[in-house]
C-alpha atoms as a PDB file:
ATOM      1  CA  MET A   1     -31.163  73.176  45.212  1.00  0.00           C
ATOM      2  CA  PRO A   2     -28.936  70.141  44.461  1.00  0.00           C
ATOM      3  CA  ARG A   3     -27.234  69.896  41.090  1.00  0.00           C
ATOM      4  CA  VAL A   4     -28.182  67.124  38.694  1.00  0.00           C
ATOM      5  CA  PRO A   5     -25.439  64.639  37.645  1.00  0.00           C
ATOM      6  CA  GLY A   6     -24.860  66.388  34.301  1.00  0.00           C
ATOM      7  CA  GLN A   7     -24.198  69.689  36.045  1.00  0.00           C
ATOM      8  CA  ILE A   8     -21.765  68.014  38.428  1.00  0.00           C
ATOM      9  CA  ASP A   9     -19.901  66.437  35.499  1.00  0.00           C
ATOM     10  CA  VAL A  10     -19.617  69.796  33.708  1.00  0.00           C
ATOM     11  CA  ALA A  11     -18.388  71.436  36.905  1.00  0.00           C
ATOM     12  CA  LYS A  12     -15.706  68.760  37.337  1.00  0.00           C
ATOM     13  CA  THR A  13     -14.658  69.072  33.709  1.00  0.00           C
ATOM     14  CA  GLU A  14     -14.240  72.842  34.018  1.00  0.00           C
ATOM     15  CA  ALA A  15     -12.370  72.430  37.320  1.00  0.00           C
ATOM     16  CA  ILE A  16      -9.964  69.942  35.727  1.00  0.00           C
ATOM     17  CA  LEU A  17      -9.323  72.160  32.703  1.00  0.00           C
ATOM     18  CA  ASP A  18      -8.828  75.262  34.865  1.00  0.00           C
ATOM     19  CA  ALA A  19      -6.426  73.328  37.082  1.00  0.00           C
ATOM     20  CA  ALA A  20      -4.538  72.008  34.045  1.00  0.00           C
ATOM     21  CA  VAL A  21      -3.960  75.549  32.751  1.00  0.00           C
ATOM     22  CA  GLU A  22      -2.499  76.609  36.097  1.00  0.00           C
ATOM     23  CA  VAL A  23      -0.431  73.494  36.858  1.00  0.00           C
ATOM     24  CA  ILE A  24       0.957  72.917  33.359  1.00  0.00           C
ATOM     25  CA  GLY A  25       1.619  76.641  33.000  1.00  0.00           C
ATOM     26  CA  GLN A  26       3.646  76.597  36.230  1.00  0.00           C
ATOM     27  CA  ARG A  27       5.334  73.179  36.040  1.00  0.00           C
ATOM     28  CA  GLY A  28       5.488  72.367  32.355  1.00  0.00           C
ATOM     29  CA  LEU A  29       4.315  69.382  30.351  1.00  0.00           C
ATOM     30  CA  ALA A  30       5.946  66.989  32.821  1.00  0.00           C
ATOM     31  CA  ALA A  31       3.468  68.076  35.512  1.00  0.00           C
ATOM     32  CA  PRO A  32       1.876  64.909  36.923  1.00  0.00           C
ATOM     33  CA  MET A  33      -1.826  64.299  36.481  1.00  0.00           C
ATOM     34  CA  ALA A  34      -2.010  63.860  40.258  1.00  0.00           C
ATOM     35  CA  ALA A  35      -1.012  67.521  40.724  1.00  0.00           C
ATOM     36  CA  ILE A  36      -3.747  68.594  38.317  1.00  0.00           C
ATOM     37  CA  ALA A  37      -6.248  66.433  40.206  1.00  0.00           C
ATOM     38  CA  ARG A  38      -5.251  67.982  43.539  1.00  0.00           C
ATOM     39  CA  ARG A  39      -5.605  71.513  42.167  1.00  0.00           C
ATOM     40  CA  ALA A  40      -9.020  70.611  40.716  1.00  0.00           C
ATOM     41  CA  GLY A  41     -10.186  69.020  43.964  1.00  0.00           C
ATOM     42  CA  VAL A  42     -10.887  65.649  42.350  1.00  0.00           C
ATOM     43  CA  SER A  43      -9.246  62.229  42.390  1.00  0.00           C
ATOM     44  CA  LYS A  44      -6.539  61.289  39.907  1.00  0.00           C
ATOM     45  CA  GLN A  45      -8.866  58.567  38.621  1.00  0.00           C
ATOM     46  CA  THR A  46     -11.496  61.192  37.855  1.00  0.00           C
ATOM     47  CA  VAL A  47      -8.997  63.052  35.671  1.00  0.00           C
ATOM     48  CA  TYR A  48      -8.157  59.835  33.818  1.00  0.00           C
ATOM     49  CA  ASN A  49     -11.850  59.012  33.464  1.00  0.00           C
ATOM     50  CA  HIS A  50     -12.350  62.354  31.707  1.00  0.00           C
ATOM     51  CA  TYR A  51      -9.067  62.318  29.760  1.00  0.00           C
ATOM     52  CA  GLY A  52      -7.234  59.084  29.192  1.00  0.00           C
ATOM     53  CA  CYS A  53      -3.819  60.715  28.796  1.00  0.00           C
ATOM     54  CA  LYS A  54      -2.116  64.081  28.896  1.00  0.00           C
ATOM     55  CA  ALA A  55      -2.386  64.544  25.128  1.00  0.00           C
ATOM     56  CA  GLU A  56      -6.177  64.219  25.397  1.00  0.00           C
ATOM     57  CA  LEU A  57      -6.230  66.718  28.256  1.00  0.00           C
ATOM     58  CA  ILE A  58      -4.157  69.233  26.276  1.00  0.00           C
ATOM     59  CA  ARG A  59      -6.432  68.749  23.272  1.00  0.00           C
ATOM     60  CA  ALA A  60      -9.458  69.473  25.459  1.00  0.00           C
ATOM     61  CA  LEU A  61      -7.785  72.678  26.676  1.00  0.00           C
ATOM     62  CA  MET A  62      -7.264  73.809  23.098  1.00  0.00           C
ATOM     63  CA  GLU A  63     -10.804  72.870  22.062  1.00  0.00           C
ATOM     64  CA  ARG A  64     -12.239  74.897  24.930  1.00  0.00           C
ATOM     65  CA  ARG A  65     -10.066  77.852  23.994  1.00  0.00           C
ATOM     66  CA  VAL A  66     -11.082  77.660  20.332  1.00  0.00           C
ATOM     67  CA  ALA A  67     -14.766  77.378  21.270  1.00  0.00           C
ATOM     68  CA  LEU A  68     -14.497  80.620  23.243  1.00  0.00           C
ATOM     69  CA  ILE A  69     -12.573  82.465  20.535  1.00  0.00           C
ATOM     70  CA  THR A  70     -14.845  81.391  17.681  1.00  0.00           C
ATOM     71  CA  ALA A  71     -18.157  81.828  19.541  1.00  0.00           C
ATOM     72  CA  PRO A  72     -18.925  85.138  17.722  1.00  0.00           C
ATOM     73  CA  LEU A  73     -18.832  83.308  14.388  1.00  0.00           C
ATOM     74  CA  ARG A  74     -21.593  80.959  15.560  1.00  0.00           C
ATOM     75  CA  SER A  75     -23.883  83.671  16.889  1.00  0.00           C
ATOM     76  CA  PRO A  76     -27.391  83.591  15.333  1.00  0.00           C
ATOM     77  CA  ALA A  77     -26.842  87.143  14.078  1.00  0.00           C
ATOM     78  CA  ALA A  78     -23.352  86.490  12.674  1.00  0.00           C
ATOM     79  CA  GLU A  79     -24.393  85.709   9.100  1.00  0.00           C
ATOM     80  CA  LYS A  80     -26.357  88.946   8.706  1.00  0.00           C
ATOM     81  CA  LYS A  81     -23.780  91.108  10.461  1.00  0.00           C
ATOM     82  CA  PRO A  82     -20.348  89.964   9.250  1.00  0.00           C
ATOM     83  CA  ARG A  83     -18.577  93.126  10.387  1.00  0.00           C
ATOM     84  CA  GLU A  84     -19.789  92.750  13.967  1.00  0.00           C
ATOM     85  CA  ALA A  85     -18.995  89.019  13.921  1.00  0.00           C
ATOM     86  CA  LEU A  86     -15.455  89.549  12.624  1.00  0.00           C
ATOM     87  CA  GLU A  87     -14.825  92.376  15.070  1.00  0.00           C
ATOM     88  CA  ALA A  88     -16.023  90.229  17.988  1.00  0.00           C
ATOM     89  CA  TYR A  89     -13.894  87.331  16.746  1.00  0.00           C
ATOM     90  CA  ALA A  90     -10.876  89.625  16.571  1.00  0.00           C
ATOM     91  CA  ARG A  91     -11.555  90.811  20.113  1.00  0.00           C
ATOM     92  CA  SER A  92     -11.734  87.195  21.282  1.00  0.00           C
ATOM     93  CA  MET A  93      -8.336  86.451  19.741  1.00  0.00           C
ATOM     94  CA  LEU A  94      -6.815  89.543  21.310  1.00  0.00           C
ATOM     95  CA  GLU A  95      -8.326  88.664  24.688  1.00  0.00           C
ATOM     96  CA  THR A  96      -6.139  85.548  24.768  1.00  0.00           C
ATOM     97  CA  VAL A  97      -3.122  87.805  24.259  1.00  0.00           C
ATOM     98  CA  ILE A  98      -4.184  90.077  27.118  1.00  0.00           C
ATOM     99  CA  ASN A  99      -4.867  87.135  29.446  1.00  0.00           C
ATOM    100  CA  ALA A 100      -1.539  86.018  30.936  1.00  0.00           C
ATOM    101  CA  ASN A 101      -2.744  82.502  31.812  1.00  0.00           C
ATOM    102  CA  SER A 102      -3.873  81.684  28.292  1.00  0.00           C
ATOM    103  CA  TYR A 103      -0.323  81.751  26.924  1.00  0.00           C
ATOM    104  CA  SER A 104       1.389  79.995  29.828  1.00  0.00           C
ATOM    105  CA  VAL A 105       0.403  76.591  28.461  1.00  0.00           C
ATOM    106  CA  MET A 106       1.420  77.566  24.923  1.00  0.00           C
ATOM    107  CA  ARG A 107       4.886  78.539  26.152  1.00  0.00           C
ATOM    108  CA  VAL A 108       5.548  75.211  27.868  1.00  0.00           C
ATOM    109  CA  ILE A 109       4.193  73.283  24.880  1.00  0.00           C
ATOM    110  CA  ILE A 110       6.581  75.124  22.566  1.00  0.00           C
ATOM    111  CA  GLN A 111       9.438  74.411  24.972  1.00  0.00           C
ATOM    112  CA  GLY A 112       8.571  70.710  25.107  1.00  0.00           C
ATOM    113  CA  ALA A 113       7.641  70.236  21.442  1.00  0.00           C
ATOM    114  CA  ASP A 114      10.818  68.307  20.577  1.00  0.00           C
ATOM    115  CA  ALA A 115      10.400  65.903  23.487  1.00  0.00           C
ATOM    116  CA  MET A 116       6.621  65.515  23.098  1.00  0.00           C
ATOM    117  CA  PRO A 117       5.760  65.962  19.396  1.00  0.00           C
ATOM    118  CA  ASP A 118       2.420  64.155  19.819  1.00  0.00           C
ATOM    119  CA  ILE A 119       1.220  66.849  22.209  1.00  0.00           C
ATOM    120  CA  ALA A 120       2.537  69.615  19.948  1.00  0.00           C
ATOM    121  CA  HIS A 121       0.564  68.067  17.085  1.00  0.00           C
ATOM    122  CA  GLU A 122      -2.606  67.880  19.210  1.00  0.00           C
ATOM    123  CA  VAL A 123      -2.222  71.538  20.136  1.00  0.00           C
ATOM    124  CA  PHE A 124      -1.805  72.704  16.556  1.00  0.00           C
ATOM    125  CA  GLU A 125      -4.689  70.616  15.191  1.00  0.00           C
ATOM    126  CA  ALA A 126      -7.167  71.403  17.976  1.00  0.00           C
ATOM    127  CA  GLY A 127      -6.024  74.997  18.428  1.00  0.00           C
ATOM    128  CA  PRO A 128      -4.808  77.308  15.637  1.00  0.00           C
ATOM    129  CA  ARG A 129      -5.814  75.066  12.733  1.00  0.00           C
ATOM    130  CA  GLN A 130      -9.331  74.490  14.044  1.00  0.00           C
ATOM    131  CA  ALA A 131      -9.860  78.205  14.712  1.00  0.00           C
ATOM    132  CA  ARG A 132      -8.761  79.053  11.158  1.00  0.00           C
ATOM    133  CA  ARG A 133     -11.051  76.375   9.736  1.00  0.00           C
ATOM    134  CA  GLN A 134     -14.037  77.798  11.554  1.00  0.00           C
ATOM    135  CA  LEU A 135     -13.238  81.282  10.288  1.00  0.00           C
ATOM    136  CA  ALA A 136     -12.792  79.904   6.762  1.00  0.00           C
ATOM    137  CA  ARG A 137     -16.232  78.249   6.959  1.00  0.00           C
ATOM    138  CA  PHE A 138     -17.748  81.555   8.073  1.00  0.00           C
ATOM    139  CA  LEU A 139     -16.127  83.353   5.131  1.00  0.00           C
ATOM    140  CA  GLU A 140     -17.396  80.654   2.776  1.00  0.00           C
ATOM    141  CA  THR A 141     -20.940  81.160   4.073  1.00  0.00           C
ATOM    142  CA  GLU A 142     -20.696  84.938   3.673  1.00  0.00           C
ATOM    143  CA  THR A 143     -19.397  84.509   0.131  1.00  0.00           C
ATOM    144  CA  ARG A 144     -22.236  82.125  -0.735  1.00  0.00           C
ATOM    145  CA  LEU A 145     -24.727  84.693   0.597  1.00  0.00           C
ATOM    146  CA  GLY A 146     -23.142  87.408  -1.563  1.00  0.00           C
ATOM    147  CA  ARG A 147     -21.870  89.568   1.296  1.00  0.00           C
ATOM    148  CA  LEU A 148     -18.193  88.802   0.572  1.00  0.00           C
ATOM    149  CA  LYS A 149     -16.186  87.744  -2.447  1.00  0.00           C
ATOM    150  CA  VAL A 150     -13.510  85.366  -1.197  1.00  0.00           C
ATOM    151  CA  GLU A 151     -11.826  82.854  -3.505  1.00  0.00           C
ATOM    152  CA  ASN A 152      -9.445  81.110  -1.099  1.00  0.00           C
ATOM    153  CA  PHE A 153     -11.202  80.824   2.261  1.00  0.00           C
ATOM    154  CA  ASP A 154      -8.279  79.311   4.172  1.00  0.00           C
ATOM    155  CA  GLN A 155      -5.899  81.953   2.884  1.00  0.00           C
ATOM    156  CA  ALA A 156      -8.293  84.780   3.734  1.00  0.00           C
ATOM    157  CA  ALA A 157      -8.756  83.353   7.249  1.00  0.00           C
ATOM    158  CA  GLU A 158      -4.984  83.333   7.640  1.00  0.00           C
ATOM    159  CA  PHE A 159      -4.756  86.942   6.434  1.00  0.00           C
ATOM    160  CA  PHE A 160      -7.366  88.125   8.919  1.00  0.00           C
ATOM    161  CA  SER A 161      -5.802  86.316  11.878  1.00  0.00           C
ATOM    162  CA  GLY A 162      -2.355  87.652  11.069  1.00  0.00           C
ATOM    163  CA  MET A 163      -3.686  91.186  10.639  1.00  0.00           C
ATOM    164  CA  VAL A 164      -5.325  91.029  14.072  1.00  0.00           C
ATOM    165  CA  LEU A 165      -2.601  89.360  16.113  1.00  0.00           C
ATOM    166  CA  GLY A 166       0.464  90.923  14.517  1.00  0.00           C
ATOM    167  CA  HIS A 167       3.330  91.101  17.017  1.00  0.00           C
ATOM    168  CA  SER A 168       0.993  90.891  20.013  1.00  0.00           C
ATOM    169  CA  GLN A 169       1.061  87.104  19.989  1.00  0.00           C
ATOM    170  CA  LEU A 170       4.849  86.977  19.924  1.00  0.00           C
ATOM    171  CA  ARG A 171       5.067  89.499  22.760  1.00  0.00           C
ATOM    172  CA  ALA A 172       2.746  87.306  24.829  1.00  0.00           C
ATOM    173  CA  LEU A 173       4.825  84.194  24.151  1.00  0.00           C
ATOM    174  CA  LEU A 174       7.998  86.062  25.149  1.00  0.00           C
ATOM    175  CA  ARG A 175       6.334  87.313  28.357  1.00  0.00           C
ATOM    176  CA  LEU A 176       6.792  90.897  27.239  1.00  0.00           C
ATOM    177  CA  PRO A 177       4.223  93.404  28.500  1.00  0.00           C
ATOM    178  CA  SER A 178       1.591  94.401  25.972  1.00  0.00           C
ATOM    179  CA  ASP A 179       2.306  97.602  24.077  1.00  0.00           C
ATOM    180  CA  LYS A 180      -1.422  98.319  23.721  1.00  0.00           C
ATOM    181  CA  THR A 181      -4.237  99.217  26.077  1.00  0.00           C
ATOM    182  CA  ARG A 182      -7.586  97.385  25.995  1.00  0.00           C
ATOM    183  CA  GLU A 183      -9.042 100.403  24.215  1.00  0.00           C
ATOM    184  CA  GLU A 184      -6.335 100.146  21.558  1.00  0.00           C
ATOM    185  CA  PHE A 185      -7.030  96.415  21.168  1.00  0.00           C
ATOM    186  CA  ASP A 186     -10.726  97.193  20.688  1.00  0.00           C
ATOM    187  CA  SER A 187      -9.865  99.799  18.074  1.00  0.00           C
ATOM    188  CA  LEU A 188      -7.569  97.322  16.320  1.00  0.00           C
ATOM    189  CA  ALA A 189     -10.345  94.705  16.198  1.00  0.00           C
ATOM    190  CA  GLY A 190     -12.742  97.165  14.603  1.00  0.00           C
ATOM    191  CA  GLU A 191     -10.197  98.470  12.110  1.00  0.00           C
ATOM    192  CA  ALA A 192      -9.156  94.941  11.089  1.00  0.00           C
ATOM    193  CA  ALA A 193     -12.769  93.932  10.451  1.00  0.00           C
ATOM    194  CA  GLU A 194     -13.446  97.095   8.451  1.00  0.00           C
ATOM    195  CA  ARG A 195     -10.354  96.800   6.260  1.00  0.00           C
ATOM    196  CA  PHE A 196     -10.867  93.068   5.707  1.00  0.00           C
ATOM    197  CA  LEU A 197     -14.460  93.560   4.546  1.00  0.00           C
ATOM    198  CA  ARG A 198     -13.358  96.321   2.208  1.00  0.00           C
ATOM    199  CA  ALA A 199     -10.677  94.078   0.717  1.00  0.00           C
ATOM    200  CA  TYR A 200     -13.150  91.275   0.065  1.00  0.00           C
ATOM    201  CA  ALA A 201     -16.193  93.349  -0.847  1.00  0.00           C
ATOM    202  CA  PRO A 202     -18.305  91.778  -3.640  1.00  0.00           C
END
């Protein structure tokens, strides 16, 4: 059965973003858009039609990553089950640490931050800051519903993220092998959620 135009557009978008992760991760921020287009199997013009410049493309990569990480916070059951939502969110964050490709782009962006500050800014705003904001909004909702007692939502979101990632994020950026198994990461996610809820219990 043939795909409708919207499906084709989504498929091309995903192909471009997947290709960008690979090409930029391998060749750095100076990687030409033409190389990304070739890897994605589309024309260079198609890439520019989707993303007018490299900064927009990088922002889209970060937005997709944040959408995946924060998906547990938007689950219909999240409000009524904050522990499960926070644990799943923690697992999503840790999954990016386990996945080698996810940090390849972050490494080259850090390396090129001085030369391309506009891209570094896009990454921070669309990536870490947006993820923290979404977590802060979730904590605000839970506090309003009486399930948590949080006074500074942004600060609490920062505490939780730091508790979960710890040194694992730095190890990933330095290309050091993980010092934890997947089972240990799962245990860490559960323990972080449990301790966080206890700390902010009403």
